[in-house]
Each structure stands twice: as C-alpha cells, then as structure tokens.
Amino acid sequence: MKKHRPFDIELPDDPETFPVGKEEPSRRSLMAAAITENAEPLRDRRAVEAAIRAENDTLAAEHVRMKQLGLIVDLIPLDQVEAWTLTRDRARGMTWRWPNWWPRCATSVCQIRSG
C-alpha cells in the first residue's frame, strides 16, 4: 500500500543549456567561510615561526663556530640563563621593559668590574 502524500510538488525540469562564460558564485557554508578566514592568520603564524627557527639556526651555527675556535670557554649553568624574549614577545606591537631587578644587577656588575 502506498502512502498518500498531501503535497505534490512539481519542479520544472532543468534546462539543458547552461550560461556560457558566466559562473554562478558558489554558495559556501559558514564552516567553509570560517576556515578560509582562519587560513591567513595561520599562514602568518607559520611564517613567523619559520623566521624564528631560521634565527635560532643562525645563532646555533655561530655558537658552534665560536666554540670550535675556542672563543667560548666558560659554561654557564642553565638556571642562570634569563630568557626574556619568548616567542609570544616577538610579535609586532609588543613593548619590552627592563625587569625590576635590572638596576640592582647593573650596579652589582659595575661594583664587580671596579674591583
């Protein structure tokens, strides 16, 4: 037994010809639009990361060269290394300030050098 459908919609047949040289704009979903909008910042971020990696590689090569020449003689414990410039701090528009303890450290260094 066949179900009775209350609405019978008749659609016109598709035309067999298509417009020459005219492309209808594609209808995109919201998700596709969001992905496209997000792609450019991701490319920018990858470019920044690549530049930082290139800078780090250059610095590492220079370090190895200087070490082989005997120009680096003192080893510094890692806990004494201050890493002020992090990846997030290298972004454009970031302002950098000297840390609060810097004047005391500079004074101590001057006192050590003066004897």
N, C-alpha and C. Protein backbone atom coordinates (compact mmCIF):
# COMPACT_ATOMS: atom_id res chain seq x y z
N MET A 1 0.83 -1.16 0.00
CA MET A 1 0.00 0.00 0.00
C MET A 1 0.88 1.24 0.00
N LYS A 2 0.51 2.18 -0.80
CA LYS A 2 1.30 3.38 -0.98
C LYS A 2 0.77 4.47 -0.06
N LYS A 3 1.73 5.22 0.55
CA LYS A 3 1.32 6.32 1.42
C LYS A 3 0.78 7.47 0.59
N HIS A 4 -0.21 8.09 1.12
CA HIS A 4 -0.77 9.26 0.45
C HIS A 4 0.04 10.48 0.86
N ARG A 5 0.55 11.23 -0.09
CA ARG A 5 1.30 12.45 0.20
C ARG A 5 0.37 13.63 0.02
N PRO A 6 0.25 14.47 1.05
CA PRO A 6 -0.69 15.58 0.95
C PRO A 6 -0.24 16.65 -0.03
N PHE A 7 1.06 16.81 -0.21
CA PHE A 7 1.55 17.85 -1.12
C PHE A 7 2.31 17.20 -2.26
N ASP A 8 1.92 17.52 -3.42
CA ASP A 8 2.63 17.03 -4.59
C ASP A 8 3.28 18.23 -5.24
N ILE A 9 4.61 18.29 -5.16
CA ILE A 9 5.33 19.44 -5.69
C ILE A 9 5.89 19.06 -7.04
N GLU A 10 5.56 19.86 -8.02
CA GLU A 10 6.09 19.63 -9.35
C GLU A 10 7.20 20.64 -9.60
N LEU A 11 8.38 20.14 -9.83
CA LEU A 11 9.51 21.00 -10.13
C LEU A 11 9.73 21.04 -11.63
N PRO A 12 10.10 22.21 -12.14
CA PRO A 12 10.37 22.26 -13.58
C PRO A 12 11.64 21.49 -13.89
N ASP A 13 11.69 20.97 -15.08
CA ASP A 13 12.89 20.25 -15.50
C ASP A 13 14.05 21.23 -15.62
N ASP A 14 15.26 20.72 -15.36
CA ASP A 14 16.46 21.56 -15.50
C ASP A 14 16.65 21.91 -16.97
N PRO A 15 17.03 23.14 -17.24
CA PRO A 15 17.29 23.47 -18.65
C PRO A 15 18.52 22.71 -19.13
N GLU A 16 18.48 22.34 -20.38
CA GLU A 16 19.57 21.56 -20.92
C GLU A 16 20.74 22.42 -21.35
N THR A 17 20.54 23.70 -21.40
CA THR A 17 21.63 24.61 -21.76
C THR A 17 22.12 25.29 -20.50
N PHE A 18 23.34 25.74 -20.55
CA PHE A 18 23.90 26.45 -19.40
C PHE A 18 24.49 27.77 -19.90
N PRO A 19 24.54 28.76 -19.04
CA PRO A 19 25.04 30.07 -19.47
C PRO A 19 26.54 29.99 -19.79
N VAL A 20 26.90 30.47 -20.95
CA VAL A 20 28.29 30.41 -21.39
C VAL A 20 29.06 31.58 -20.77
N GLY A 21 30.19 31.27 -20.15
CA GLY A 21 31.06 32.32 -19.62
C GLY A 21 30.59 32.92 -18.31
N LYS A 22 29.49 32.50 -17.80
CA LYS A 22 29.01 33.05 -16.53
C LYS A 22 29.04 31.95 -15.49
N GLU A 23 29.80 32.21 -14.45
CA GLU A 23 29.84 31.26 -13.35
C GLU A 23 29.04 31.83 -12.19
N GLU A 24 28.18 31.04 -11.70
CA GLU A 24 27.43 31.48 -10.54
C GLU A 24 28.33 31.37 -9.32
N PRO A 25 28.24 32.34 -8.43
CA PRO A 25 29.08 32.26 -7.23
C PRO A 25 28.71 31.03 -6.40
N SER A 26 29.72 30.40 -5.89
CA SER A 26 29.46 29.19 -5.11
C SER A 26 28.85 29.57 -3.77
N ARG A 27 27.94 28.77 -3.34
CA ARG A 27 27.32 29.01 -2.04
C ARG A 27 28.11 28.22 -1.02
N ARG A 28 28.68 28.94 -0.08
CA ARG A 28 29.56 28.30 0.89
C ARG A 28 28.89 28.24 2.25
N SER A 29 29.23 27.23 2.96
CA SER A 29 28.67 27.10 4.30
C SER A 29 29.43 28.01 5.25
N LEU A 30 28.89 28.21 6.42
CA LEU A 30 29.54 29.04 7.43
C LEU A 30 30.87 28.45 7.86
N MET A 31 30.93 27.14 7.94
CA MET A 31 32.18 26.49 8.35
C MET A 31 33.26 26.70 7.30
N ALA A 32 32.92 26.61 6.03
CA ALA A 32 33.90 26.84 4.96
C ALA A 32 34.40 28.28 4.99
N ALA A 33 33.51 29.22 5.24
CA ALA A 33 33.93 30.62 5.33
C ALA A 33 34.85 30.84 6.53
N ALA A 34 34.55 30.21 7.65
CA ALA A 34 35.39 30.35 8.84
C ALA A 34 36.78 29.75 8.61
N ILE A 35 36.84 28.63 7.92
CA ILE A 35 38.14 28.01 7.63
C ILE A 35 38.97 28.92 6.73
N THR A 36 38.34 29.51 5.73
CA THR A 36 39.05 30.42 4.84
C THR A 36 39.56 31.65 5.59
N GLU A 37 38.73 32.20 6.47
CA GLU A 37 39.14 33.37 7.24
C GLU A 37 40.28 33.03 8.19
N ASN A 38 40.32 31.83 8.69
CA ASN A 38 41.35 31.42 9.64
C ASN A 38 42.66 31.04 8.95
N ALA A 39 42.62 30.77 7.67
CA ALA A 39 43.81 30.29 6.95
C ALA A 39 44.90 31.35 6.89
N GLU A 40 44.55 32.61 6.66
CA GLU A 40 45.57 33.66 6.54
C GLU A 40 46.34 33.87 7.84
N PRO A 41 45.68 34.00 8.99
CA PRO A 41 46.46 34.12 10.24
C PRO A 41 47.34 32.90 10.50
N LEU A 42 46.88 31.72 10.12
CA LEU A 42 47.71 30.53 10.30
C LEU A 42 48.96 30.59 9.43
N ARG A 43 48.80 31.08 8.19
CA ARG A 43 49.97 31.23 7.31
C ARG A 43 50.94 32.26 7.90
N ASP A 44 50.40 33.37 8.43
CA ASP A 44 51.26 34.38 9.04
C ASP A 44 52.01 33.80 10.23
N ARG A 45 51.31 33.04 11.05
CA ARG A 45 51.95 32.44 12.23
C ARG A 45 53.07 31.47 11.80
N ARG A 46 52.80 30.68 10.78
CA ARG A 46 53.84 29.76 10.28
C ARG A 46 55.05 30.53 9.76
N ALA A 47 54.81 31.67 9.10
CA ALA A 47 55.92 32.47 8.59
C ALA A 47 56.75 33.03 9.74
N VAL A 48 56.08 33.49 10.81
CA VAL A 48 56.81 34.00 11.98
C VAL A 48 57.61 32.88 12.63
N GLU A 49 56.99 31.71 12.78
CA GLU A 49 57.70 30.57 13.37
C GLU A 49 58.91 30.18 12.52
N ALA A 50 58.76 30.21 11.20
CA ALA A 50 59.89 29.87 10.32
C ALA A 50 61.01 30.89 10.46
N ALA A 51 60.66 32.17 10.60
CA ALA A 51 61.68 33.21 10.78
C ALA A 51 62.42 33.02 12.10
N ILE A 52 61.69 32.66 13.15
CA ILE A 52 62.32 32.44 14.46
C ILE A 52 63.24 31.22 14.39
N ARG A 53 62.78 30.15 13.71
CA ARG A 53 63.63 28.96 13.57
C ARG A 53 64.89 29.29 12.78
N ALA A 54 64.77 30.10 11.74
CA ALA A 54 65.94 30.48 10.94
C ALA A 54 66.91 31.30 11.79
N GLU A 55 66.37 32.20 12.61
CA GLU A 55 67.22 32.99 13.51
C GLU A 55 67.93 32.09 14.51
N ASN A 56 67.20 31.14 15.08
CA ASN A 56 67.80 30.21 16.04
C ASN A 56 68.88 29.35 15.38
N ASP A 57 68.63 28.89 14.15
CA ASP A 57 69.63 28.09 13.43
C ASP A 57 70.90 28.90 13.18
N THR A 58 70.73 30.17 12.81
CA THR A 58 71.89 31.04 12.57
C THR A 58 72.68 31.23 13.85
N LEU A 59 71.98 31.48 14.95
CA LEU A 59 72.66 31.67 16.23
C LEU A 59 73.37 30.39 16.67
N ALA A 60 72.73 29.25 16.45
CA ALA A 60 73.36 27.98 16.83
C ALA A 60 74.61 27.72 15.99
N ALA A 61 74.54 28.01 14.70
CA ALA A 61 75.72 27.82 13.84
C ALA A 61 76.86 28.74 14.27
N GLU A 62 76.53 29.98 14.63
CA GLU A 62 77.55 30.92 15.11
C GLU A 62 78.15 30.44 16.42
N HIS A 63 77.33 29.90 17.29
CA HIS A 63 77.81 29.38 18.57
C HIS A 63 78.79 28.22 18.35
N VAL A 64 78.42 27.30 17.46
CA VAL A 64 79.29 26.16 17.18
C VAL A 64 80.61 26.64 16.59
N ARG A 65 80.55 27.61 15.67
CA ARG A 65 81.76 28.14 15.06
C ARG A 65 82.68 28.76 16.11
N MET A 66 82.09 29.58 16.99
CA MET A 66 82.89 30.24 18.03
C MET A 66 83.46 29.21 19.01
N LYS A 67 82.69 28.18 19.31
CA LYS A 67 83.17 27.16 20.24
C LYS A 67 84.34 26.39 19.64
N GLN A 68 84.26 26.08 18.36
CA GLN A 68 85.36 25.37 17.69
C GLN A 68 86.62 26.22 17.62
N LEU A 69 86.46 27.54 17.55
CA LEU A 69 87.61 28.44 17.53
C LEU A 69 88.18 28.69 18.92
N GLY A 70 87.51 28.18 19.94
CA GLY A 70 87.98 28.36 21.31
C GLY A 70 87.60 29.70 21.91
N LEU A 71 86.63 30.38 21.31
CA LEU A 71 86.21 31.68 21.81
C LEU A 71 85.23 31.57 22.97
N ILE A 72 84.63 30.40 23.14
CA ILE A 72 83.71 30.18 24.25
C ILE A 72 84.42 29.25 25.23
N VAL A 73 84.72 29.78 26.41
CA VAL A 73 85.49 28.98 27.37
C VAL A 73 84.74 28.73 28.66
N ASP A 74 83.80 29.60 29.03
CA ASP A 74 83.06 29.44 30.28
C ASP A 74 81.69 28.83 30.01
N LEU A 75 81.32 27.86 30.81
CA LEU A 75 79.98 27.29 30.72
C LEU A 75 79.13 27.92 31.81
N ILE A 76 77.93 28.28 31.48
CA ILE A 76 77.01 28.91 32.42
C ILE A 76 75.91 27.91 32.74
N PRO A 77 75.61 27.71 34.03
CA PRO A 77 74.50 26.81 34.37
C PRO A 77 73.19 27.34 33.79
N LEU A 78 72.35 26.42 33.34
CA LEU A 78 71.10 26.82 32.69
C LEU A 78 70.17 27.60 33.61
N ASP A 79 70.24 27.36 34.92
CA ASP A 79 69.34 28.09 35.81
C ASP A 79 69.74 29.56 35.94
N GLN A 80 70.91 29.93 35.45
CA GLN A 80 71.32 31.34 35.48
C GLN A 80 71.03 32.06 34.17
N VAL A 81 70.53 31.35 33.19
CA VAL A 81 70.21 31.97 31.90
C VAL A 81 68.84 32.60 32.00
N GLU A 82 68.75 33.88 31.62
CA GLU A 82 67.47 34.60 31.63
C GLU A 82 66.93 34.62 30.20
N ALA A 83 65.78 34.03 30.00
CA ALA A 83 65.14 34.03 28.67
C ALA A 83 64.02 35.06 28.69
N TRP A 84 64.36 36.27 28.30
CA TRP A 84 63.37 37.35 28.33
C TRP A 84 62.50 37.38 27.10
N THR A 85 63.08 37.11 25.97
CA THR A 85 62.33 37.23 24.73
C THR A 85 61.76 35.88 24.34
N LEU A 86 60.52 35.66 24.67
CA LEU A 86 59.84 34.43 24.30
C LEU A 86 59.18 34.61 22.94
N THR A 87 58.68 33.53 22.38
CA THR A 87 58.04 33.60 21.07
C THR A 87 56.89 34.59 21.07
N ARG A 88 56.10 34.59 22.11
CA ARG A 88 54.95 35.50 22.15
C ARG A 88 55.37 36.95 22.26
N ASP A 89 56.60 37.21 22.79
CA ASP A 89 57.06 38.57 22.95
C ASP A 89 57.65 39.14 21.67
N ARG A 90 57.84 38.31 20.66
CA ARG A 90 58.43 38.78 19.41
C ARG A 90 57.38 39.30 18.45
N ALA A 91 56.13 39.23 18.84
CA ALA A 91 55.07 39.67 17.95
C ALA A 91 55.15 41.18 17.76
N ARG A 92 54.66 41.64 16.62
CA ARG A 92 54.66 43.07 16.35
C ARG A 92 53.79 43.79 17.35
N GLY A 93 54.23 44.97 17.74
CA GLY A 93 53.45 45.79 18.66
C GLY A 93 53.73 45.51 20.12
N MET A 94 54.54 44.51 20.41
CA MET A 94 54.87 44.22 21.80
C MET A 94 55.94 45.21 22.27
N THR A 95 55.77 45.75 23.44
CA THR A 95 56.79 46.63 24.00
C THR A 95 57.52 45.88 25.09
N TRP A 96 58.82 46.09 25.16
CA TRP A 96 59.64 45.38 26.13
C TRP A 96 60.13 46.36 27.17
N ARG A 97 60.13 45.96 28.42
CA ARG A 97 60.62 46.80 29.51
C ARG A 97 61.70 46.04 30.25
N TRP A 98 62.64 46.79 30.83
CA TRP A 98 63.66 46.18 31.67
C TRP A 98 62.98 45.62 32.92
N PRO A 99 63.44 44.48 33.41
CA PRO A 99 62.84 43.93 34.63
C PRO A 99 63.16 44.81 35.84
N ASN A 100 62.36 44.66 36.90
CA ASN A 100 62.51 45.49 38.10
C ASN A 100 63.87 45.34 38.75
N TRP A 101 64.48 44.16 38.66
CA TRP A 101 65.74 43.93 39.35
C TRP A 101 66.93 44.41 38.55
N TRP A 102 66.74 44.90 37.32
CA TRP A 102 67.87 45.26 36.46
C TRP A 102 68.77 46.34 37.06
N PRO A 103 68.28 47.42 37.66
CA PRO A 103 69.20 48.43 38.21
C PRO A 103 70.13 47.85 39.27
N ARG A 104 69.62 46.94 40.11
CA ARG A 104 70.47 46.32 41.14
C ARG A 104 71.55 45.47 40.49
N CYS A 105 71.17 44.72 39.44
CA CYS A 105 72.13 43.85 38.76
C CYS A 105 73.20 44.69 38.07
N ALA A 106 72.80 45.76 37.41
CA ALA A 106 73.76 46.62 36.73
C ALA A 106 74.72 47.24 37.73
N THR A 107 74.20 47.64 38.90
CA THR A 107 75.06 48.21 39.94
C THR A 107 76.04 47.15 40.43
N SER A 108 75.57 45.93 40.62
CA SER A 108 76.44 44.85 41.08
C SER A 108 77.54 44.57 40.07
N VAL A 109 77.20 44.56 38.80
CA VAL A 109 78.20 44.32 37.76
C VAL A 109 79.24 45.43 37.76
N CYS A 110 78.80 46.67 37.90
CA CYS A 110 79.74 47.80 37.95
C CYS A 110 80.65 47.68 39.16
N GLN A 111 80.10 47.26 40.30
CA GLN A 111 80.92 47.10 41.50
C GLN A 111 81.94 45.99 41.31
N ILE A 112 81.55 44.92 40.66
CA ILE A 112 82.48 43.80 40.44
C ILE A 112 83.60 44.24 39.51
N ARG A 113 83.25 44.96 38.45
CA ARG A 113 84.27 45.40 37.49
C ARG A 113 85.23 46.41 38.11
N SER A 114 84.72 47.28 38.99
CA SER A 114 85.59 48.31 39.56
C SER A 114 86.50 47.74 40.63
N GLY A 115 86.17 46.59 41.12
CA GLY A 115 87.11 45.93 41.93
C GLY A 115 86.90 45.71 43.32
